[in-house]
Amino acid sequence: LAGMNEVLVKDTKEQWTKLRFDIFDTNIRIWVNDHLHINRIDTRFRDKGLVYLHSFGTHVQIRDFAVYRFIL
């Protein structure tokens, strides 16, 4: 996993990689192993919709997947 000019995880085959996605209104934050990886504002995903997980051709295992909806 890499981005923003740095490699966050060199090899994910021997260890679990913790991903956290915080999406609130137009704010999108993605955390990799408790380090902020992406912090963006994007208005294209404001409406209700589906959650789609895609691994770009890599075999993955997912555990402890949860979606929370906050009502204000």
N, C-alpha and C. Protein backbone atom coordinates (compact mmCIF):
# COMPACT_ATOMS: atom_id res chain seq x y z
N LEU A 1 0.84 -1.18 0.00
CA LEU A 1 0.00 0.00 0.00
C LEU A 1 0.88 1.23 0.00
N ALA A 2 0.57 2.13 -0.87
CA ALA A 2 1.38 3.34 -0.95
C ALA A 2 0.50 4.51 -1.37
N GLY A 3 1.01 5.67 -1.17
CA GLY A 3 0.30 6.87 -1.58
C GLY A 3 0.93 8.08 -0.97
N MET A 4 0.63 9.20 -1.55
CA MET A 4 1.13 10.48 -1.06
C MET A 4 2.64 10.44 -0.88
N ASN A 5 3.35 9.82 -1.84
CA ASN A 5 4.81 9.76 -1.88
C ASN A 5 5.46 8.97 -0.75
N GLU A 6 4.73 8.04 -0.16
CA GLU A 6 5.35 7.21 0.86
C GLU A 6 4.75 5.81 0.83
N VAL A 7 5.55 4.82 1.18
CA VAL A 7 5.08 3.45 1.29
C VAL A 7 4.68 3.22 2.74
N LEU A 8 3.41 2.88 2.95
CA LEU A 8 2.93 2.68 4.30
C LEU A 8 3.11 1.23 4.76
N VAL A 9 2.88 0.28 3.87
CA VAL A 9 3.02 -1.13 4.19
C VAL A 9 3.79 -1.78 3.06
N LYS A 10 4.97 -2.30 3.32
CA LYS A 10 5.79 -2.89 2.27
C LYS A 10 5.30 -4.25 1.85
N ASP A 11 4.93 -5.12 2.79
CA ASP A 11 4.50 -6.48 2.47
C ASP A 11 3.35 -6.84 3.39
N THR A 12 2.19 -7.10 2.82
CA THR A 12 1.02 -7.41 3.63
C THR A 12 0.74 -8.90 3.70
N LYS A 13 1.61 -9.74 3.16
CA LYS A 13 1.36 -11.18 3.17
C LYS A 13 1.52 -11.80 4.54
N GLU A 14 2.39 -11.29 5.36
CA GLU A 14 2.71 -11.91 6.64
C GLU A 14 2.04 -11.22 7.84
N GLN A 15 1.27 -10.17 7.60
CA GLN A 15 0.65 -9.45 8.71
C GLN A 15 -0.69 -8.89 8.28
N TRP A 16 -1.55 -8.63 9.24
CA TRP A 16 -2.81 -7.98 8.97
C TRP A 16 -2.56 -6.48 8.78
N THR A 17 -3.28 -5.89 7.87
CA THR A 17 -3.24 -4.45 7.64
C THR A 17 -4.57 -3.87 8.09
N LYS A 18 -4.53 -2.91 8.98
CA LYS A 18 -5.74 -2.31 9.50
C LYS A 18 -6.12 -1.11 8.65
N LEU A 19 -7.32 -1.14 8.07
CA LEU A 19 -7.84 -0.04 7.27
C LEU A 19 -9.06 0.55 7.97
N ARG A 20 -9.13 1.85 8.00
CA ARG A 20 -10.28 2.54 8.58
C ARG A 20 -10.70 3.64 7.62
N PHE A 21 -11.98 3.69 7.29
CA PHE A 21 -12.52 4.70 6.39
C PHE A 21 -13.52 5.52 7.17
N ASP A 22 -13.26 6.80 7.31
CA ASP A 22 -14.20 7.71 7.95
C ASP A 22 -14.78 8.60 6.87
N ILE A 23 -16.07 8.46 6.62
CA ILE A 23 -16.74 9.28 5.60
C ILE A 23 -17.91 9.97 6.28
N PHE A 24 -17.81 11.28 6.35
CA PHE A 24 -18.86 12.08 6.97
C PHE A 24 -19.15 13.26 6.06
N ASP A 25 -20.35 13.23 5.48
CA ASP A 25 -20.78 14.22 4.50
C ASP A 25 -19.78 14.25 3.34
N THR A 26 -19.03 15.30 3.15
CA THR A 26 -18.07 15.38 2.04
C THR A 26 -16.64 15.08 2.47
N ASN A 27 -16.41 14.84 3.74
CA ASN A 27 -15.06 14.58 4.26
C ASN A 27 -14.75 13.08 4.20
N ILE A 28 -13.65 12.73 3.58
CA ILE A 28 -13.21 11.34 3.47
C ILE A 28 -11.81 11.24 4.07
N ARG A 29 -11.68 10.38 5.06
CA ARG A 29 -10.38 10.12 5.68
C ARG A 29 -10.13 8.62 5.67
N ILE A 30 -8.96 8.23 5.23
CA ILE A 30 -8.59 6.82 5.19
C ILE A 30 -7.33 6.64 6.01
N TRP A 31 -7.40 5.71 6.95
CA TRP A 31 -6.31 5.41 7.87
C TRP A 31 -5.75 4.03 7.53
N VAL A 32 -4.43 3.90 7.50
CA VAL A 32 -3.76 2.62 7.30
C VAL A 32 -2.87 2.38 8.51
N ASN A 33 -3.15 1.30 9.22
CA ASN A 33 -2.39 0.99 10.46
C ASN A 33 -2.28 2.20 11.38
N ASP A 34 -3.41 2.87 11.57
CA ASP A 34 -3.52 4.02 12.48
C ASP A 34 -2.76 5.27 12.03
N HIS A 35 -2.35 5.33 10.78
CA HIS A 35 -1.72 6.53 10.22
C HIS A 35 -2.63 7.10 9.14
N LEU A 36 -2.88 8.40 9.18
CA LEU A 36 -3.73 9.04 8.19
C LEU A 36 -3.08 8.93 6.82
N HIS A 37 -3.80 8.34 5.88
CA HIS A 37 -3.28 8.08 4.53
C HIS A 37 -3.88 9.07 3.53
N ILE A 38 -5.19 9.29 3.62
CA ILE A 38 -5.88 10.21 2.71
C ILE A 38 -6.83 11.07 3.53
N ASN A 39 -6.83 12.37 3.23
CA ASN A 39 -7.74 13.32 3.87
C ASN A 39 -8.23 14.25 2.77
N ARG A 40 -9.43 14.00 2.29
CA ARG A 40 -9.95 14.74 1.14
C ARG A 40 -11.39 15.19 1.37
N ILE A 41 -11.79 16.19 0.62
CA ILE A 41 -13.19 16.60 0.54
C ILE A 41 -13.65 16.27 -0.88
N ASP A 42 -14.76 15.52 -0.98
CA ASP A 42 -15.28 15.10 -2.28
C ASP A 42 -16.80 15.12 -2.22
N THR A 43 -17.43 15.89 -3.08
CA THR A 43 -18.89 16.03 -3.05
C THR A 43 -19.60 15.00 -3.91
N ARG A 44 -18.87 14.13 -4.62
CA ARG A 44 -19.51 13.15 -5.51
C ARG A 44 -20.21 12.02 -4.77
N PHE A 45 -19.91 11.78 -3.51
CA PHE A 45 -20.44 10.62 -2.80
C PHE A 45 -21.34 11.02 -1.63
N ARG A 46 -22.11 12.07 -1.80
CA ARG A 46 -22.94 12.58 -0.70
C ARG A 46 -24.20 11.77 -0.47
N ASP A 47 -24.74 11.16 -1.52
CA ASP A 47 -26.01 10.47 -1.41
C ASP A 47 -25.85 9.07 -0.81
N LYS A 48 -26.95 8.51 -0.35
CA LYS A 48 -26.94 7.15 0.16
C LYS A 48 -26.59 6.20 -0.97
N GLY A 49 -25.95 5.08 -0.62
CA GLY A 49 -25.56 4.13 -1.65
C GLY A 49 -25.04 2.84 -1.05
N LEU A 50 -24.32 2.12 -1.84
CA LEU A 50 -23.79 0.83 -1.45
C LEU A 50 -22.32 0.94 -1.04
N VAL A 51 -21.88 -0.03 -0.28
CA VAL A 51 -20.47 -0.15 0.06
C VAL A 51 -19.88 -1.22 -0.83
N TYR A 52 -18.80 -0.91 -1.53
CA TYR A 52 -18.16 -1.84 -2.46
C TYR A 52 -16.69 -1.96 -2.10
N LEU A 53 -16.26 -3.18 -1.82
CA LEU A 53 -14.85 -3.43 -1.50
C LEU A 53 -14.19 -4.08 -2.70
N HIS A 54 -13.06 -3.54 -3.12
CA HIS A 54 -12.36 -4.05 -4.29
C HIS A 54 -10.87 -4.10 -3.99
N SER A 55 -10.23 -5.22 -4.31
CA SER A 55 -8.82 -5.39 -3.95
C SER A 55 -7.88 -5.26 -5.14
N PHE A 56 -8.37 -4.85 -6.29
CA PHE A 56 -7.55 -4.64 -7.48
C PHE A 56 -6.74 -5.88 -7.85
N GLY A 57 -7.39 -7.04 -7.91
CA GLY A 57 -6.75 -8.26 -8.38
C GLY A 57 -5.91 -9.00 -7.36
N THR A 58 -5.94 -8.59 -6.12
CA THR A 58 -5.16 -9.22 -5.06
C THR A 58 -6.10 -10.01 -4.16
N HIS A 59 -5.65 -11.18 -3.72
CA HIS A 59 -6.43 -11.98 -2.78
C HIS A 59 -6.40 -11.32 -1.41
N VAL A 60 -7.57 -11.13 -0.82
CA VAL A 60 -7.64 -10.50 0.50
C VAL A 60 -8.54 -11.32 1.42
N GLN A 61 -8.32 -11.16 2.70
CA GLN A 61 -9.22 -11.68 3.73
C GLN A 61 -9.69 -10.49 4.55
N ILE A 62 -10.96 -10.48 4.87
CA ILE A 62 -11.53 -9.36 5.62
C ILE A 62 -12.10 -9.91 6.92
N ARG A 63 -11.76 -9.24 8.01
CA ARG A 63 -12.35 -9.60 9.30
C ARG A 63 -12.78 -8.32 10.01
N ASP A 64 -13.74 -8.44 10.87
CA ASP A 64 -14.23 -7.31 11.67
C ASP A 64 -14.68 -6.13 10.80
N PHE A 65 -15.50 -6.41 9.82
CA PHE A 65 -16.03 -5.35 8.95
C PHE A 65 -17.30 -4.80 9.57
N ALA A 66 -17.40 -3.49 9.69
CA ALA A 66 -18.58 -2.86 10.27
C ALA A 66 -18.85 -1.54 9.58
N VAL A 67 -20.14 -1.21 9.47
CA VAL A 67 -20.56 0.08 8.92
C VAL A 67 -21.44 0.75 9.97
N TYR A 68 -21.13 1.99 10.28
CA TYR A 68 -21.90 2.74 11.26
C TYR A 68 -22.52 3.94 10.59
N ARG A 69 -23.75 4.22 10.93
CA ARG A 69 -24.43 5.40 10.41
C ARG A 69 -24.76 6.32 11.58
N PHE A 70 -24.28 7.53 11.49
CA PHE A 70 -24.53 8.52 12.53
C PHE A 70 -25.66 9.42 12.09
N ILE A 71 -26.63 9.57 12.94
CA ILE A 71 -27.78 10.44 12.65
C ILE A 71 -27.67 11.66 13.56
N LEU A 72 -27.60 12.80 12.94
CA LEU A 72 -27.49 14.05 13.71
C LEU A 72 -28.78 14.82 13.68
